[in-house]
Amino acid sequence: MNNVLPINLGRQRIRKVVFAALVDVLALDEATLEESLKVVEDLDADSMSILALVIVIEDALSIEIDPAELHMSDATIGHVIDYISGQQEP
């Protein structure tokens, strides 16, 4: 795996994957999720949850994510989606 998506999945597809990971890992109701919510502050994700989120997203999209580069401690859901979208090949 590498950190560049092999195909352009589109932001909406990436959003679906990220939301599904949040629902699965943090046991959240998808209807309550908004891109402006902060992963740690608003969703109460701890370091183990963040690691699980990264792994689920990596597996779903066949990529590698550097959590340090993503700055999950202050990242919003939208930031996570944009970061992954930016990893796509032109």
PDB file of N, CA and C in Angstrom:
ATOM      1  N   MET A   1       0.835  -1.183   0.000  1.00  0.00           N
ATOM      2  CA  MET A   1       0.000   0.000   0.000  1.00  0.00           C
ATOM      3  C   MET A   1       0.879   1.245   0.000  1.00  0.00           C
ATOM      4  N   ASN A   2       0.329   2.320  -0.541  1.00  0.00           N
ATOM      5  CA  ASN A   2       1.021   3.592  -0.462  1.00  0.00           C
ATOM      6  C   ASN A   2       0.024   4.660  -0.076  1.00  0.00           C
ATOM      7  N   ASN A   3       0.498   5.899   0.019  1.00  0.00           N
ATOM      8  CA  ASN A   3      -0.400   6.943   0.495  1.00  0.00           C
ATOM      9  C   ASN A   3      -1.113   7.674  -0.631  1.00  0.00           C
ATOM     10  N   VAL A   4      -1.028   7.179  -1.854  1.00  0.00           N
ATOM     11  CA  VAL A   4      -1.727   7.781  -2.979  1.00  0.00           C
ATOM     12  C   VAL A   4      -2.809   6.822  -3.446  1.00  0.00           C
ATOM     13  N   LEU A   5      -4.028   7.341  -3.537  1.00  0.00           N
ATOM     14  CA  LEU A   5      -5.113   6.497  -4.020  1.00  0.00           C
ATOM     15  C   LEU A   5      -4.891   6.194  -5.493  1.00  0.00           C
ATOM     16  N   PRO A   6      -5.044   4.938  -5.907  1.00  0.00           N
ATOM     17  CA  PRO A   6      -4.758   4.564  -7.283  1.00  0.00           C
ATOM     18  C   PRO A   6      -5.786   5.084  -8.278  1.00  0.00           C
ATOM     19  N   ILE A   7      -6.983   5.381  -7.823  1.00  0.00           N
ATOM     20  CA  ILE A   7      -8.015   5.908  -8.713  1.00  0.00           C
ATOM     21  C   ILE A   7      -8.725   7.047  -8.012  1.00  0.00           C
ATOM     22  N   ASN A   8      -9.359   7.896  -8.794  1.00  0.00           N
ATOM     23  CA  ASN A   8     -10.097   9.003  -8.221  1.00  0.00           C
ATOM     24  C   ASN A   8     -11.452   8.496  -7.756  1.00  0.00           C
ATOM     25  N   LEU A   9     -11.615   8.365  -6.450  1.00  0.00           N
ATOM     26  CA  LEU A   9     -12.849   7.839  -5.886  1.00  0.00           C
ATOM     27  C   LEU A   9     -13.916   8.900  -5.722  1.00  0.00           C
ATOM     28  N   GLY A  10     -13.539  10.137  -5.749  1.00  0.00           N
ATOM     29  CA  GLY A  10     -14.492  11.212  -5.531  1.00  0.00           C
ATOM     30  C   GLY A  10     -14.698  11.469  -4.054  1.00  0.00           C
ATOM     31  N   ARG A  11     -14.930  12.715  -3.744  1.00  0.00           N
ATOM     32  CA  ARG A  11     -15.064  13.124  -2.351  1.00  0.00           C
ATOM     33  C   ARG A  11     -16.263  12.459  -1.675  1.00  0.00           C
ATOM     34  N   GLN A  12     -17.358  12.287  -2.396  1.00  0.00           N
ATOM     35  CA  GLN A  12     -18.552  11.678  -1.801  1.00  0.00           C
ATOM     36  C   GLN A  12     -18.301  10.231  -1.387  1.00  0.00           C
ATOM     37  N   ARG A  13     -17.570   9.477  -2.206  1.00  0.00           N
ATOM     38  CA  ARG A  13     -17.244   8.078  -1.874  1.00  0.00           C
ATOM     39  C   ARG A  13     -16.338   8.036  -0.648  1.00  0.00           C
ATOM     40  N   ILE A  14     -15.355   8.920  -0.607  1.00  0.00           N
ATOM     41  CA  ILE A  14     -14.453   8.978   0.542  1.00  0.00           C
ATOM     42  C   ILE A  14     -15.242   9.375   1.789  1.00  0.00           C
ATOM     43  N   ARG A  15     -16.146  10.318   1.656  1.00  0.00           N
ATOM     44  CA  ARG A  15     -17.001  10.748   2.770  1.00  0.00           C
ATOM     45  C   ARG A  15     -17.795   9.563   3.317  1.00  0.00           C
ATOM     46  N   LYS A  16     -18.348   8.749   2.423  1.00  0.00           N
ATOM     47  CA  LYS A  16     -19.118   7.574   2.856  1.00  0.00           C
ATOM     48  C   LYS A  16     -18.244   6.615   3.664  1.00  0.00           C
ATOM     49  N   VAL A  17     -17.019   6.395   3.204  1.00  0.00           N
ATOM     50  CA  VAL A  17     -16.097   5.497   3.898  1.00  0.00           C
ATOM     51  C   VAL A  17     -15.747   6.053   5.278  1.00  0.00           C
ATOM     52  N   VAL A  18     -15.443   7.340   5.351  1.00  0.00           N
ATOM     53  CA  VAL A  18     -15.081   7.963   6.628  1.00  0.00           C
ATOM     54  C   VAL A  18     -16.266   7.919   7.596  1.00  0.00           C
ATOM     55  N   PHE A  19     -17.454   8.265   7.120  1.00  0.00           N
ATOM     56  CA  PHE A  19     -18.634   8.220   7.987  1.00  0.00           C
ATOM     57  C   PHE A  19     -18.901   6.795   8.460  1.00  0.00           C
ATOM     58  N   ALA A  20     -18.777   5.815   7.562  1.00  0.00           N
ATOM     59  CA  ALA A  20     -19.001   4.419   7.946  1.00  0.00           C
ATOM     60  C   ALA A  20     -17.994   3.977   9.002  1.00  0.00           C
ATOM     61  N   ALA A  21     -16.738   4.417   8.873  1.00  0.00           N
ATOM     62  CA  ALA A  21     -15.712   4.081   9.863  1.00  0.00           C
ATOM     63  C   ALA A  21     -16.053   4.700  11.213  1.00  0.00           C
ATOM     64  N   LEU A  22     -16.503   5.944  11.213  1.00  0.00           N
ATOM     65  CA  LEU A  22     -16.875   6.605  12.463  1.00  0.00           C
ATOM     66  C   LEU A  22     -18.053   5.898  13.132  1.00  0.00           C
ATOM     67  N   VAL A  23     -19.033   5.505  12.355  1.00  0.00           N
ATOM     68  CA  VAL A  23     -20.194   4.789  12.882  1.00  0.00           C
ATOM     69  C   VAL A  23     -19.761   3.456  13.477  1.00  0.00           C
ATOM     70  N   ASP A  24     -18.902   2.738  12.742  1.00  0.00           N
ATOM     71  CA  ASP A  24     -18.455   1.415  13.172  1.00  0.00           C
ATOM     72  C   ASP A  24     -17.565   1.481  14.417  1.00  0.00           C
ATOM     73  N   VAL A  25     -16.555   2.318  14.380  1.00  0.00           N
ATOM     74  CA  VAL A  25     -15.555   2.351  15.454  1.00  0.00           C
ATOM     75  C   VAL A  25     -16.069   3.060  16.709  1.00  0.00           C
ATOM     76  N   LEU A  26     -16.781   4.159  16.527  1.00  0.00           N
ATOM     77  CA  LEU A  26     -17.213   4.949  17.680  1.00  0.00           C
ATOM     78  C   LEU A  26     -18.670   4.703  18.069  1.00  0.00           C
ATOM     79  N   ALA A  27     -19.311   3.784  17.365  1.00  0.00           N
ATOM     80  CA  ALA A  27     -20.720   3.440  17.651  1.00  0.00           C
ATOM     81  C   ALA A  27     -21.616   4.679  17.647  1.00  0.00           C
ATOM     82  N   LEU A  28     -21.488   5.462  16.584  1.00  0.00           N
ATOM     83  CA  LEU A  28     -22.263   6.690  16.456  1.00  0.00           C
ATOM     84  C   LEU A  28     -23.429   6.490  15.498  1.00  0.00           C
ATOM     85  N   ASP A  29     -24.409   7.371  15.586  1.00  0.00           N
ATOM     86  CA  ASP A  29     -25.517   7.405  14.650  1.00  0.00           C
ATOM     87  C   ASP A  29     -25.102   8.301  13.486  1.00  0.00           C
ATOM     88  N   GLU A  30     -25.107   7.770  12.277  1.00  0.00           N
ATOM     89  CA  GLU A  30     -24.654   8.542  11.120  1.00  0.00           C
ATOM     90  C   GLU A  30     -25.439   9.843  10.960  1.00  0.00           C
ATOM     91  N   ALA A  31     -26.693   9.846  11.349  1.00  0.00           N
ATOM     92  CA  ALA A  31     -27.525  11.039  11.219  1.00  0.00           C
ATOM     93  C   ALA A  31     -27.012  12.203  12.069  1.00  0.00           C
ATOM     94  N   THR A  32     -26.189  11.919  13.073  1.00  0.00           N
ATOM     95  CA  THR A  32     -25.667  12.973  13.948  1.00  0.00           C
ATOM     96  C   THR A  32     -24.328  13.525  13.466  1.00  0.00           C
ATOM     97  N   LEU A  33     -23.745  12.909  12.439  1.00  0.00           N
ATOM     98  CA  LEU A  33     -22.426  13.314  11.979  1.00  0.00           C
ATOM     99  C   LEU A  33     -22.495  14.506  11.026  1.00  0.00           C
ATOM    100  N   GLU A  34     -21.578  15.439  11.232  1.00  0.00           N
ATOM    101  CA  GLU A  34     -21.424  16.597  10.362  1.00  0.00           C
ATOM    102  C   GLU A  34     -19.936  16.794  10.131  1.00  0.00           C
ATOM    103  N   GLU A  35     -19.580  17.290   8.969  1.00  0.00           N
ATOM    104  CA  GLU A  35     -18.167  17.466   8.648  1.00  0.00           C
ATOM    105  C   GLU A  35     -17.463  18.458   9.562  1.00  0.00           C
ATOM    106  N   SER A  36     -18.194  19.323  10.211  1.00  0.00           N
ATOM    107  CA  SER A  36     -17.583  20.330  11.079  1.00  0.00           C
ATOM    108  C   SER A  36     -17.235  19.792  12.474  1.00  0.00           C
ATOM    109  N   LEU A  37     -17.665  18.588  12.802  1.00  0.00           N
ATOM    110  CA  LEU A  37     -17.375  18.014  14.117  1.00  0.00           C
ATOM    111  C   LEU A  37     -15.911  17.610  14.229  1.00  0.00           C
ATOM    112  N   LYS A  38     -15.314  17.910  15.382  1.00  0.00           N
ATOM    113  CA  LYS A  38     -13.926  17.518  15.622  1.00  0.00           C
ATOM    114  C   LYS A  38     -13.900  16.079  16.125  1.00  0.00           C
ATOM    115  N   VAL A  39     -13.001  15.301  15.551  1.00  0.00           N
ATOM    116  CA  VAL A  39     -12.933  13.869  15.850  1.00  0.00           C
ATOM    117  C   VAL A  39     -12.668  13.619  17.334  1.00  0.00           C
ATOM    118  N   VAL A  40     -11.739  14.325  17.923  1.00  0.00           N
ATOM    119  CA  VAL A  40     -11.398  14.099  19.335  1.00  0.00           C
ATOM    120  C   VAL A  40     -12.330  14.880  20.263  1.00  0.00           C
ATOM    121  N   GLU A  41     -12.417  16.171  20.040  1.00  0.00           N
ATOM    122  CA  GLU A  41     -13.164  17.039  20.954  1.00  0.00           C
ATOM    123  C   GLU A  41     -14.671  16.764  20.948  1.00  0.00           C
ATOM    124  N   ASP A  42     -15.262  16.638  19.766  1.00  0.00           N
ATOM    125  CA  ASP A  42     -16.714  16.482  19.669  1.00  0.00           C
ATOM    126  C   ASP A  42     -17.185  15.030  19.694  1.00  0.00           C
ATOM    127  N   LEU A  43     -16.352  14.122  19.173  1.00  0.00           N
ATOM    128  CA  LEU A  43     -16.772  12.720  19.079  1.00  0.00           C
ATOM    129  C   LEU A  43     -16.132  11.846  20.149  1.00  0.00           C
ATOM    130  N   ASP A  44     -15.309  12.446  20.997  1.00  0.00           N
ATOM    131  CA  ASP A  44     -14.665  11.750  22.120  1.00  0.00           C
ATOM    132  C   ASP A  44     -13.803  10.565  21.691  1.00  0.00           C
ATOM    133  N   ALA A  45     -13.152  10.675  20.542  1.00  0.00           N
ATOM    134  CA  ALA A  45     -12.252   9.611  20.103  1.00  0.00           C
ATOM    135  C   ALA A  45     -10.956   9.689  20.899  1.00  0.00           C
ATOM    136  N   ASP A  46     -10.528   8.557  21.430  1.00  0.00           N
ATOM    137  CA  ASP A  46      -9.247   8.499  22.129  1.00  0.00           C
ATOM    138  C   ASP A  46      -8.198   7.938  21.167  1.00  0.00           C
ATOM    139  N   SER A  47      -6.988   7.770  21.646  1.00  0.00           N
ATOM    140  CA  SER A  47      -5.903   7.328  20.769  1.00  0.00           C
ATOM    141  C   SER A  47      -6.160   5.946  20.170  1.00  0.00           C
ATOM    142  N   MET A  48      -6.757   5.064  20.934  1.00  0.00           N
ATOM    143  CA  MET A  48      -7.066   3.725  20.400  1.00  0.00           C
ATOM    144  C   MET A  48      -8.155   3.804  19.338  1.00  0.00           C
ATOM    145  N   SER A  49      -9.148   4.646  19.548  1.00  0.00           N
ATOM    146  CA  SER A  49     -10.212   4.830  18.560  1.00  0.00           C
ATOM    147  C   SER A  49      -9.658   5.424  17.269  1.00  0.00           C
ATOM    148  N   ILE A  50      -8.755   6.390  17.421  1.00  0.00           N
ATOM    149  CA  ILE A  50      -8.150   7.017  16.244  1.00  0.00           C
ATOM    150  C   ILE A  50      -7.366   5.984  15.449  1.00  0.00           C
ATOM    151  N   LEU A  51      -6.602   5.159  16.129  1.00  0.00           N
ATOM    152  CA  LEU A  51      -5.857   4.101  15.450  1.00  0.00           C
ATOM    153  C   LEU A  51      -6.811   3.157  14.719  1.00  0.00           C
ATOM    154  N   ALA A  52      -7.896   2.772  15.366  1.00  0.00           N
ATOM    155  CA  ALA A  52      -8.885   1.899  14.736  1.00  0.00           C
ATOM    156  C   ALA A  52      -9.522   2.577  13.528  1.00  0.00           C
ATOM    157  N   LEU A  53      -9.843   3.867  13.641  1.00  0.00           N
ATOM    158  CA  LEU A  53     -10.419   4.608  12.511  1.00  0.00           C
ATOM    159  C   LEU A  53      -9.475   4.610  11.320  1.00  0.00           C
ATOM    160  N   VAL A  54      -8.213   4.895  11.594  1.00  0.00           N
ATOM    161  CA  VAL A  54      -7.207   4.933  10.526  1.00  0.00           C
ATOM    162  C   VAL A  54      -7.110   3.567   9.844  1.00  0.00           C
ATOM    163  N   ILE A  55      -7.078   2.510  10.618  1.00  0.00           N
ATOM    164  CA  ILE A  55      -6.967   1.160  10.053  1.00  0.00           C
ATOM    165  C   ILE A  55      -8.188   0.818   9.201  1.00  0.00           C
ATOM    166  N   VAL A  56      -9.370   1.121   9.691  1.00  0.00           N
ATOM    167  CA  VAL A  56     -10.594   0.827   8.931  1.00  0.00           C
ATOM    168  C   VAL A  56     -10.605   1.596   7.614  1.00  0.00           C
ATOM    169  N   ILE A  57     -10.251   2.881   7.658  1.00  0.00           N
ATOM    170  CA  ILE A  57     -10.223   3.699   6.440  1.00  0.00           C
ATOM    171  C   ILE A  57      -9.146   3.210   5.483  1.00  0.00           C
ATOM    172  N   GLU A  58      -7.967   2.895   6.012  1.00  0.00           N
ATOM    173  CA  GLU A  58      -6.880   2.370   5.171  1.00  0.00           C
ATOM    174  C   GLU A  58      -7.317   1.097   4.450  1.00  0.00           C
ATOM    175  N   ASP A  59      -7.926   0.184   5.191  1.00  0.00           N
ATOM    176  CA  ASP A  59      -8.371  -1.075   4.594  1.00  0.00           C
ATOM    177  C   ASP A  59      -9.439  -0.853   3.527  1.00  0.00           C
ATOM    178  N   ALA A  60     -10.371   0.037   3.798  1.00  0.00           N
ATOM    179  CA  ALA A  60     -11.470   0.286   2.864  1.00  0.00           C
ATOM    180  C   ALA A  60     -10.994   0.938   1.565  1.00  0.00           C
ATOM    181  N   LEU A  61      -9.947   1.767   1.661  1.00  0.00           N
ATOM    182  CA  LEU A  61      -9.481   2.512   0.490  1.00  0.00           C
ATOM    183  C   LEU A  61      -8.139   2.026  -0.051  1.00  0.00           C
ATOM    184  N   SER A  62      -7.552   1.008   0.588  1.00  0.00           N
ATOM    185  CA  SER A  62      -6.252   0.466   0.173  1.00  0.00           C
ATOM    186  C   SER A  62      -5.174   1.541   0.110  1.00  0.00           C
ATOM    187  N   ILE A  63      -5.085   2.316   1.192  1.00  0.00           N
ATOM    188  CA  ILE A  63      -4.062   3.359   1.297  1.00  0.00           C
ATOM    189  C   ILE A  63      -3.413   3.280   2.672  1.00  0.00           C
ATOM    190  N   GLU A  64      -2.371   4.076   2.866  1.00  0.00           N
ATOM    191  CA  GLU A  64      -1.768   4.246   4.177  1.00  0.00           C
ATOM    192  C   GLU A  64      -1.946   5.694   4.592  1.00  0.00           C
ATOM    193  N   ILE A  65      -2.323   5.892   5.832  1.00  0.00           N
ATOM    194  CA  ILE A  65      -2.523   7.234   6.370  1.00  0.00           C
ATOM    195  C   ILE A  65      -1.541   7.434   7.511  1.00  0.00           C
ATOM    196  N   ASP A  66      -0.857   8.564   7.506  1.00  0.00           N
ATOM    197  CA  ASP A  66       0.037   8.921   8.601  1.00  0.00           C
ATOM    198  C   ASP A  66      -0.759   9.773   9.578  1.00  0.00           C
ATOM    199  N   PRO A  67      -1.179   9.210  10.726  1.00  0.00           N
ATOM    200  CA  PRO A  67      -1.994   9.970  11.679  1.00  0.00           C
ATOM    201  C   PRO A  67      -1.327  11.275  12.126  1.00  0.00           C
ATOM    202  N   ALA A  68      -0.007  11.289  12.218  1.00  0.00           N
ATOM    203  CA  ALA A  68       0.691  12.508  12.624  1.00  0.00           C
ATOM    204  C   ALA A  68       0.516  13.600  11.571  1.00  0.00           C
ATOM    205  N   GLU A  69       0.564  13.220  10.315  1.00  0.00           N
ATOM    206  CA  GLU A  69       0.379  14.174   9.221  1.00  0.00           C
ATOM    207  C   GLU A  69      -1.057  14.700   9.187  1.00  0.00           C
ATOM    208  N   LEU A  70      -1.976  13.875   9.607  1.00  0.00           N
ATOM    209  CA  LEU A  70      -3.396  14.233   9.596  1.00  0.00           C
ATOM    210  C   LEU A  70      -3.775  15.122  10.783  1.00  0.00           C
ATOM    211  N   HIS A  71      -2.958  15.136  11.834  1.00  0.00           N
ATOM    212  CA  HIS A  71      -3.220  15.949  13.026  1.00  0.00           C
ATOM    213  C   HIS A  71      -4.616  15.665  13.593  1.00  0.00           C
ATOM    214  N   MET A  72      -4.866  14.409  13.894  1.00  0.00           N
ATOM    215  CA  MET A  72      -6.184  13.989  14.352  1.00  0.00           C
ATOM    216  C   MET A  72      -6.610  14.663  15.653  1.00  0.00           C
ATOM    217  N   SER A  73      -5.663  15.159  16.435  1.00  0.00           N
ATOM    218  CA  SER A  73      -6.031  15.763  17.718  1.00  0.00           C
ATOM    219  C   SER A  73      -6.923  16.984  17.545  1.00  0.00           C
ATOM    220  N   ASP A  74      -6.821  17.674  16.400  1.00  0.00           N
ATOM    221  CA  ASP A  74      -7.697  18.826  16.176  1.00  0.00           C
ATOM    222  C   ASP A  74      -8.410  18.777  14.828  1.00  0.00           C
ATOM    223  N   ALA A  75      -8.412  17.610  14.196  1.00  0.00           N
ATOM    224  CA  ALA A  75      -9.033  17.458  12.879  1.00  0.00           C
ATOM    225  C   ALA A  75     -10.551  17.350  12.972  1.00  0.00           C
ATOM    226  N   THR A  76     -11.213  17.966  12.006  1.00  0.00           N
ATOM    227  CA  THR A  76     -12.652  17.767  11.858  1.00  0.00           C
ATOM    228  C   THR A  76     -12.874  16.599  10.904  1.00  0.00           C
ATOM    229  N   ILE A  77     -14.092  16.115  10.857  1.00  0.00           N
ATOM    230  CA  ILE A  77     -14.415  15.048   9.902  1.00  0.00           C
ATOM    231  C   ILE A  77     -14.114  15.533   8.484  1.00  0.00           C
ATOM    232  N   GLY A  78     -14.483  16.768   8.186  1.00  0.00           N
ATOM    233  CA  GLY A  78     -14.227  17.336   6.854  1.00  0.00           C
ATOM    234  C   GLY A  78     -12.749  17.390   6.525  1.00  0.00           C
ATOM    235  N   HIS A  79     -11.916  17.699   7.529  1.00  0.00           N
ATOM    236  CA  HIS A  79     -10.465  17.734   7.326  1.00  0.00           C
ATOM    237  C   HIS A  79      -9.948  16.347   6.953  1.00  0.00           C
ATOM    238  N   VAL A  80     -10.453  15.322   7.628  1.00  0.00           N
ATOM    239  CA  VAL A  80     -10.050  13.946   7.327  1.00  0.00           C
ATOM    240  C   VAL A  80     -10.413  13.602   5.879  1.00  0.00           C
ATOM    241  N   ILE A  81     -11.625  13.932   5.469  1.00  0.00           N
ATOM    242  CA  ILE A  81     -12.078  13.660   4.100  1.00  0.00           C
ATOM    243  C   ILE A  81     -11.212  14.402   3.096  1.00  0.00           C
ATOM    244  N   ASP A  82     -10.956  15.690   3.354  1.00  0.00           N
ATOM    245  CA  ASP A  82     -10.130  16.491   2.441  1.00  0.00           C
ATOM    246  C   ASP A  82      -8.712  15.963   2.367  1.00  0.00           C
ATOM    247  N   TYR A  83      -8.158  15.542   3.500  1.00  0.00           N
ATOM    248  CA  TYR A  83      -6.806  14.993   3.508  1.00  0.00           C
ATOM    249  C   TYR A  83      -6.740  13.757   2.610  1.00  0.00           C
ATOM    250  N   ILE A  84      -7.694  12.854   2.758  1.00  0.00           N
ATOM    251  CA  ILE A  84      -7.696  11.631   1.950  1.00  0.00           C
ATOM    252  C   ILE A  84      -7.938  11.983   0.488  1.00  0.00           C
ATOM    253  N   SER A  85      -8.836  12.894   0.218  1.00  0.00           N
ATOM    254  CA  SER A  85      -9.103  13.320  -1.169  1.00  0.00           C
ATOM    255  C   SER A  85      -7.846  13.866  -1.816  1.00  0.00           C
ATOM    256  N   GLY A  86      -7.030  14.555  -1.035  1.00  0.00           N
ATOM    257  CA  GLY A  86      -5.785  15.139  -1.544  1.00  0.00           C
ATOM    258  C   GLY A  86      -4.706  14.105  -1.819  1.00  0.00           C
ATOM    259  N   GLN A  87      -4.907  12.850  -1.375  1.00  0.00           N
ATOM    260  CA  GLN A  87      -3.935  11.782  -1.583  1.00  0.00           C
ATOM    261  C   GLN A  87      -4.125  11.087  -2.925  1.00  0.00           C
ATOM    262  N   GLN A  88      -5.097  11.545  -3.724  1.00  0.00           N
ATOM    263  CA  GLN A  88      -5.387  10.877  -4.990  1.00  0.00           C
ATOM    264  C   GLN A  88      -4.430  11.329  -6.082  1.00  0.00           C
ATOM    265  N   GLU A  89      -4.186  10.409  -7.006  1.00  0.00           N
ATOM    266  CA  GLU A  89      -3.353  10.757  -8.160  1.00  0.00           C
ATOM    267  C   GLU A  89      -4.123  11.744  -9.023  1.00  0.00           C
ATOM    268  N   PRO A  90      -3.404  12.677  -9.641  1.00  0.00           N
ATOM    269  CA  PRO A  90      -4.089  13.652 -10.518  1.00  0.00           C
ATOM    270  C   PRO A  90      -4.676  12.990 -11.746  1.00  0.00           C
TER     271      PRO A  90
END
